Amino acid sequence: MPKASVKRLIECNKNQLIDLVLDIEKYPDFVPFCLDAHVYKKNNEGDLILIIADLTIGKGPFKDTYKSNVKFNKKNNTINVTNIGGPLNHLENNWHFMDHKNGTEISFDIDFEIENKFLNIVMTKSFQFGLDKIADAFQKRAETLYK
């Protein structure tokens, strides 16, 4: 299964960055390879925000939509995403936001497996590069919106 992680220090307020990550329907505006996004349900339940959403990811003739369960824990400033439908056998990604004197440190890790074994092998080879590009996109978007 492809696994990767990235850490970034972004010169923005932690709550702004959390809001940016939870604004899933805006992803097609700035996330590479994200073609469409749709939020079906968003509920506040105490210290949790629970979201069910679709993302359509693709490039060229290849595109797929997967449904995710997104859970933001307000107490520990984490966002956990797991797949609940689509072309993935497994998806888990985690965001953690920590205050830093120069902004917010974000750590992001992802672990997934695509049903198509060939695509899984291809993704394993280039996944860290792709994750870095996605992290760059979130950082650039945050700096554009909040500086």
C-alpha atoms as a PDB file:
ATOM      1  CA  MET A   1       0.000   0.000   0.000  1.00  0.00           C
ATOM      2  CA  PRO A   2       1.321   3.475  -0.792  1.00  0.00           C
ATOM      3  CA  LYS A   3       2.154   5.417   2.350  1.00  0.00           C
ATOM      4  CA  ALA A   4       3.586   8.883   2.675  1.00  0.00           C
ATOM      5  CA  SER A   5       3.785  11.762   5.086  1.00  0.00           C
ATOM      6  CA  VAL A   6       4.664  15.419   5.037  1.00  0.00           C
ATOM      7  CA  LYS A   7       5.191  18.171   7.605  1.00  0.00           C
ATOM      8  CA  ARG A   8       4.942  21.871   6.937  1.00  0.00           C
ATOM      9  CA  LEU A   9       5.212  25.064   8.923  1.00  0.00           C
ATOM     10  CA  ILE A  10       2.702  27.529   7.522  1.00  0.00           C
ATOM     11  CA  GLU A  11       2.616  31.134   8.663  1.00  0.00           C
ATOM     12  CA  CYS A  12      -1.129  31.153   9.324  1.00  0.00           C
ATOM     13  CA  ASN A  13      -3.495  30.739  12.235  1.00  0.00           C
ATOM     14  CA  LYS A  14      -4.303  27.116  13.141  1.00  0.00           C
ATOM     15  CA  ASN A  15      -8.076  27.655  12.915  1.00  0.00           C
ATOM     16  CA  GLN A  16      -7.760  29.186   9.456  1.00  0.00           C
ATOM     17  CA  LEU A  17      -5.846  26.135   8.247  1.00  0.00           C
ATOM     18  CA  ILE A  18      -8.356  23.737   9.773  1.00  0.00           C
ATOM     19  CA  ASP A  19     -11.176  25.644   8.035  1.00  0.00           C
ATOM     20  CA  LEU A  20      -9.244  25.457   4.764  1.00  0.00           C
ATOM     21  CA  VAL A  21      -8.895  21.666   4.998  1.00  0.00           C
ATOM     22  CA  LEU A  22     -12.557  21.231   5.987  1.00  0.00           C
ATOM     23  CA  ASP A  23     -13.755  23.381   3.048  1.00  0.00           C
ATOM     24  CA  ILE A  24     -13.762  20.293   0.839  1.00  0.00           C
ATOM     25  CA  GLU A  25     -15.964  21.699  -1.924  1.00  0.00           C
ATOM     26  CA  LYS A  26     -13.237  24.264  -2.734  1.00  0.00           C
ATOM     27  CA  TYR A  27     -10.589  21.585  -3.401  1.00  0.00           C
ATOM     28  CA  PRO A  28     -11.085  21.609  -7.203  1.00  0.00           C
ATOM     29  CA  ASP A  29     -10.006  25.284  -7.142  1.00  0.00           C
ATOM     30  CA  PHE A  30      -6.507  24.513  -5.919  1.00  0.00           C
ATOM     31  CA  VAL A  31      -5.725  20.814  -5.250  1.00  0.00           C
ATOM     32  CA  PRO A  32      -3.836  19.130  -8.114  1.00  0.00           C
ATOM     33  CA  PHE A  33      -5.794  16.351  -9.835  1.00  0.00           C
ATOM     34  CA  CYS A  34      -8.990  17.129  -7.870  1.00  0.00           C
ATOM     35  CA  LEU A  35     -11.699  17.523 -10.504  1.00  0.00           C
ATOM     36  CA  ASP A  36     -14.821  17.709  -8.335  1.00  0.00           C
ATOM     37  CA  ALA A  37     -15.914  17.656  -4.693  1.00  0.00           C
ATOM     38  CA  HIS A  38     -19.292  17.297  -3.043  1.00  0.00           C
ATOM     39  CA  VAL A  39     -20.266  17.363   0.636  1.00  0.00           C
ATOM     40  CA  TYR A  40     -23.344  15.244   1.386  1.00  0.00           C
ATOM     41  CA  LYS A  41     -23.578  15.724   5.113  1.00  0.00           C
ATOM     42  CA  LYS A  42     -21.908  17.885   7.757  1.00  0.00           C
ATOM     43  CA  ASN A  43     -22.825  17.558  11.441  1.00  0.00           C
ATOM     44  CA  ASN A  44     -21.507  19.057  14.657  1.00  0.00           C
ATOM     45  CA  GLU A  45     -21.568  16.490  17.449  1.00  0.00           C
ATOM     46  CA  GLY A  46     -19.952  17.903  20.586  1.00  0.00           C
ATOM     47  CA  ASP A  47     -16.194  17.971  20.036  1.00  0.00           C
ATOM     48  CA  LEU A  48     -16.523  16.451  16.552  1.00  0.00           C
ATOM     49  CA  ILE A  49     -17.440  17.710  13.113  1.00  0.00           C
ATOM     50  CA  LEU A  50     -18.495  14.781  10.912  1.00  0.00           C
ATOM     51  CA  ILE A  51     -18.539  15.113   7.124  1.00  0.00           C
ATOM     52  CA  ILE A  52     -19.442  12.694   4.337  1.00  0.00           C
ATOM     53  CA  ALA A  53     -17.970  13.830   1.021  1.00  0.00           C
ATOM     54  CA  ASP A  54     -17.017  12.722  -2.485  1.00  0.00           C
ATOM     55  CA  LEU A  55     -13.814  13.662  -4.284  1.00  0.00           C
ATOM     56  CA  THR A  56     -13.259  13.033  -7.963  1.00  0.00           C
ATOM     57  CA  ILE A  57      -9.561  12.650  -8.684  1.00  0.00           C
ATOM     58  CA  GLY A  58      -8.027  12.213 -12.099  1.00  0.00           C
ATOM     59  CA  LYS A  59      -5.760  13.205 -14.905  1.00  0.00           C
ATOM     60  CA  GLY A  60      -6.283  12.779 -18.606  1.00  0.00           C
ATOM     61  CA  PRO A  61      -8.570   9.846 -19.346  1.00  0.00           C
ATOM     62  CA  PHE A  62      -8.293   8.479 -15.811  1.00  0.00           C
ATOM     63  CA  LYS A  63     -10.702   9.647 -13.133  1.00  0.00           C
ATOM     64  CA  ASP A  64     -12.447   8.096 -10.178  1.00  0.00           C
ATOM     65  CA  THR A  65     -14.726   9.270  -7.412  1.00  0.00           C
ATOM     66  CA  TYR A  66     -14.432   8.048  -3.872  1.00  0.00           C
ATOM     67  CA  LYS A  67     -16.597   8.733  -0.849  1.00  0.00           C
ATOM     68  CA  SER A  68     -14.990   9.568   2.487  1.00  0.00           C
ATOM     69  CA  ASN A  69     -15.871   9.879   6.113  1.00  0.00           C
ATOM     70  CA  VAL A  70     -14.145  12.993   7.484  1.00  0.00           C
ATOM     71  CA  LYS A  71     -13.910  13.488  11.235  1.00  0.00           C
ATOM     72  CA  PHE A  72     -12.514  16.667  12.815  1.00  0.00           C
ATOM     73  CA  ASN A  73     -11.726  16.392  16.514  1.00  0.00           C
ATOM     74  CA  LYS A  74     -11.810  19.886  18.034  1.00  0.00           C
ATOM     75  CA  LYS A  75     -10.051  18.792  21.242  1.00  0.00           C
ATOM     76  CA  ASN A  76      -6.876  17.485  19.649  1.00  0.00           C
ATOM     77  CA  ASN A  77      -6.936  19.473  16.369  1.00  0.00           C
ATOM     78  CA  THR A  78      -6.911  16.419  14.136  1.00  0.00           C
ATOM     79  CA  ILE A  79      -8.763  15.468  10.982  1.00  0.00           C
ATOM     80  CA  ASN A  80      -9.088  11.770  10.149  1.00  0.00           C
ATOM     81  CA  VAL A  81     -10.323  10.640   6.722  1.00  0.00           C
ATOM     82  CA  THR A  82     -11.336   7.093   5.796  1.00  0.00           C
ATOM     83  CA  ASN A  83     -12.908   5.817   2.595  1.00  0.00           C
ATOM     84  CA  ILE A  84     -16.430   4.433   2.588  1.00  0.00           C
ATOM     85  CA  GLY A  85     -16.876   3.877  -1.140  1.00  0.00           C
ATOM     86  CA  GLY A  86     -15.179   4.023  -4.523  1.00  0.00           C
ATOM     87  CA  PRO A  87     -12.082   2.511  -6.147  1.00  0.00           C
ATOM     88  CA  LEU A  88     -10.045   2.237  -2.954  1.00  0.00           C
ATOM     89  CA  ASN A  89      -9.663  -0.899  -0.893  1.00  0.00           C
ATOM     90  CA  HIS A  90      -8.296   1.217   1.920  1.00  0.00           C
ATOM     91  CA  LEU A  91      -7.747   4.896   2.680  1.00  0.00           C
ATOM     92  CA  GLU A  92      -6.719   6.561   5.860  1.00  0.00           C
ATOM     93  CA  ASN A  93      -5.252  10.002   6.105  1.00  0.00           C
ATOM     94  CA  ASN A  94      -4.620  12.111   9.138  1.00  0.00           C
ATOM     95  CA  TRP A  95      -4.028  15.821   9.574  1.00  0.00           C
ATOM     96  CA  HIS A  96      -2.612  17.214  12.812  1.00  0.00           C
ATOM     97  CA  PHE A  97      -2.392  20.958  13.480  1.00  0.00           C
ATOM     98  CA  MET A  98      -0.071  22.339  16.181  1.00  0.00           C
ATOM     99  CA  ASP A  99       0.492  25.943  17.207  1.00  0.00           C
ATOM    100  CA  HIS A 100       4.002  27.180  16.515  1.00  0.00           C
ATOM    101  CA  LYS A 101       5.598  30.559  17.291  1.00  0.00           C
ATOM    102  CA  ASN A 102       5.833  31.235  13.528  1.00  0.00           C
ATOM    103  CA  GLY A 103       2.368  29.947  12.586  1.00  0.00           C
ATOM    104  CA  THR A 104       1.051  26.407  12.515  1.00  0.00           C
ATOM    105  CA  GLU A 105       2.856  23.123  12.012  1.00  0.00           C
ATOM    106  CA  ILE A 106       0.817  20.697   9.959  1.00  0.00           C
ATOM    107  CA  SER A 107       1.584  17.014   9.685  1.00  0.00           C
ATOM    108  CA  PHE A 108      -0.257  14.951   7.118  1.00  0.00           C
ATOM    109  CA  ASP A 109       0.040  11.232   6.502  1.00  0.00           C
ATOM    110  CA  ILE A 110      -1.783   8.987   4.110  1.00  0.00           C
ATOM    111  CA  ASP A 111      -2.050   5.246   3.643  1.00  0.00           C
ATOM    112  CA  PHE A 112      -4.157   3.779   0.854  1.00  0.00           C
ATOM    113  CA  GLU A 113      -4.628   0.903  -1.539  1.00  0.00           C
ATOM    114  CA  ILE A 114      -6.309   1.117  -4.935  1.00  0.00           C
ATOM    115  CA  GLU A 115      -8.375  -1.861  -6.120  1.00  0.00           C
ATOM    116  CA  ASN A 116      -6.511  -1.861  -9.467  1.00  0.00           C
ATOM    117  CA  LYS A 117      -3.186  -3.574  -8.675  1.00  0.00           C
ATOM    118  CA  PHE A 118      -1.360  -2.004 -11.650  1.00  0.00           C
ATOM    119  CA  LEU A 119      -2.414   1.516 -10.636  1.00  0.00           C
ATOM    120  CA  ASN A 120      -1.424   0.723  -7.070  1.00  0.00           C
ATOM    121  CA  ILE A 121       2.130  -0.088  -8.218  1.00  0.00           C
ATOM    122  CA  VAL A 122       2.309   3.080 -10.338  1.00  0.00           C
ATOM    123  CA  MET A 123       1.049   5.222  -7.451  1.00  0.00           C
ATOM    124  CA  THR A 124       3.563   3.711  -5.035  1.00  0.00           C
ATOM    125  CA  LYS A 125       6.430   4.891  -7.257  1.00  0.00           C
ATOM    126  CA  SER A 126       5.346   8.537  -7.440  1.00  0.00           C
ATOM    127  CA  PHE A 127       3.214   9.046  -4.387  1.00  0.00           C
ATOM    128  CA  GLN A 128       5.578  11.080  -2.176  1.00  0.00           C
ATOM    129  CA  PHE A 129       6.079  13.501  -5.087  1.00  0.00           C
ATOM    130  CA  GLY A 130       2.302  13.819  -5.502  1.00  0.00           C
ATOM    131  CA  LEU A 131       1.760  14.337  -1.793  1.00  0.00           C
ATOM    132  CA  ASP A 132       4.394  17.087  -1.761  1.00  0.00           C
ATOM    133  CA  LYS A 133       2.569  18.804  -4.642  1.00  0.00           C
ATOM    134  CA  ILE A 134      -0.722  18.603  -2.722  1.00  0.00           C
ATOM    135  CA  ALA A 135       0.944  19.997   0.424  1.00  0.00           C
ATOM    136  CA  ASP A 136       2.399  22.821  -1.696  1.00  0.00           C
ATOM    137  CA  ALA A 137      -1.102  23.579  -2.995  1.00  0.00           C
ATOM    138  CA  PHE A 138      -2.587  23.802   0.515  1.00  0.00           C
ATOM    139  CA  GLN A 139       0.308  25.991   1.689  1.00  0.00           C
ATOM    140  CA  LYS A 140      -0.001  28.339  -1.300  1.00  0.00           C
ATOM    141  CA  ARG A 141      -3.783  28.551  -0.860  1.00  0.00           C
ATOM    142  CA  ALA A 142      -3.401  29.374   2.856  1.00  0.00           C
ATOM    143  CA  GLU A 143      -0.804  32.050   2.165  1.00  0.00           C
ATOM    144  CA  THR A 144      -2.993  33.555  -0.561  1.00  0.00           C
ATOM    145  CA  LEU A 145      -6.122  33.632   1.620  1.00  0.00           C
ATOM    146  CA  TYR A 146      -4.681  34.560   5.001  1.00  0.00           C
ATOM    147  CA  LYS A 147      -1.587  36.729   4.562  1.00  0.00           C
END
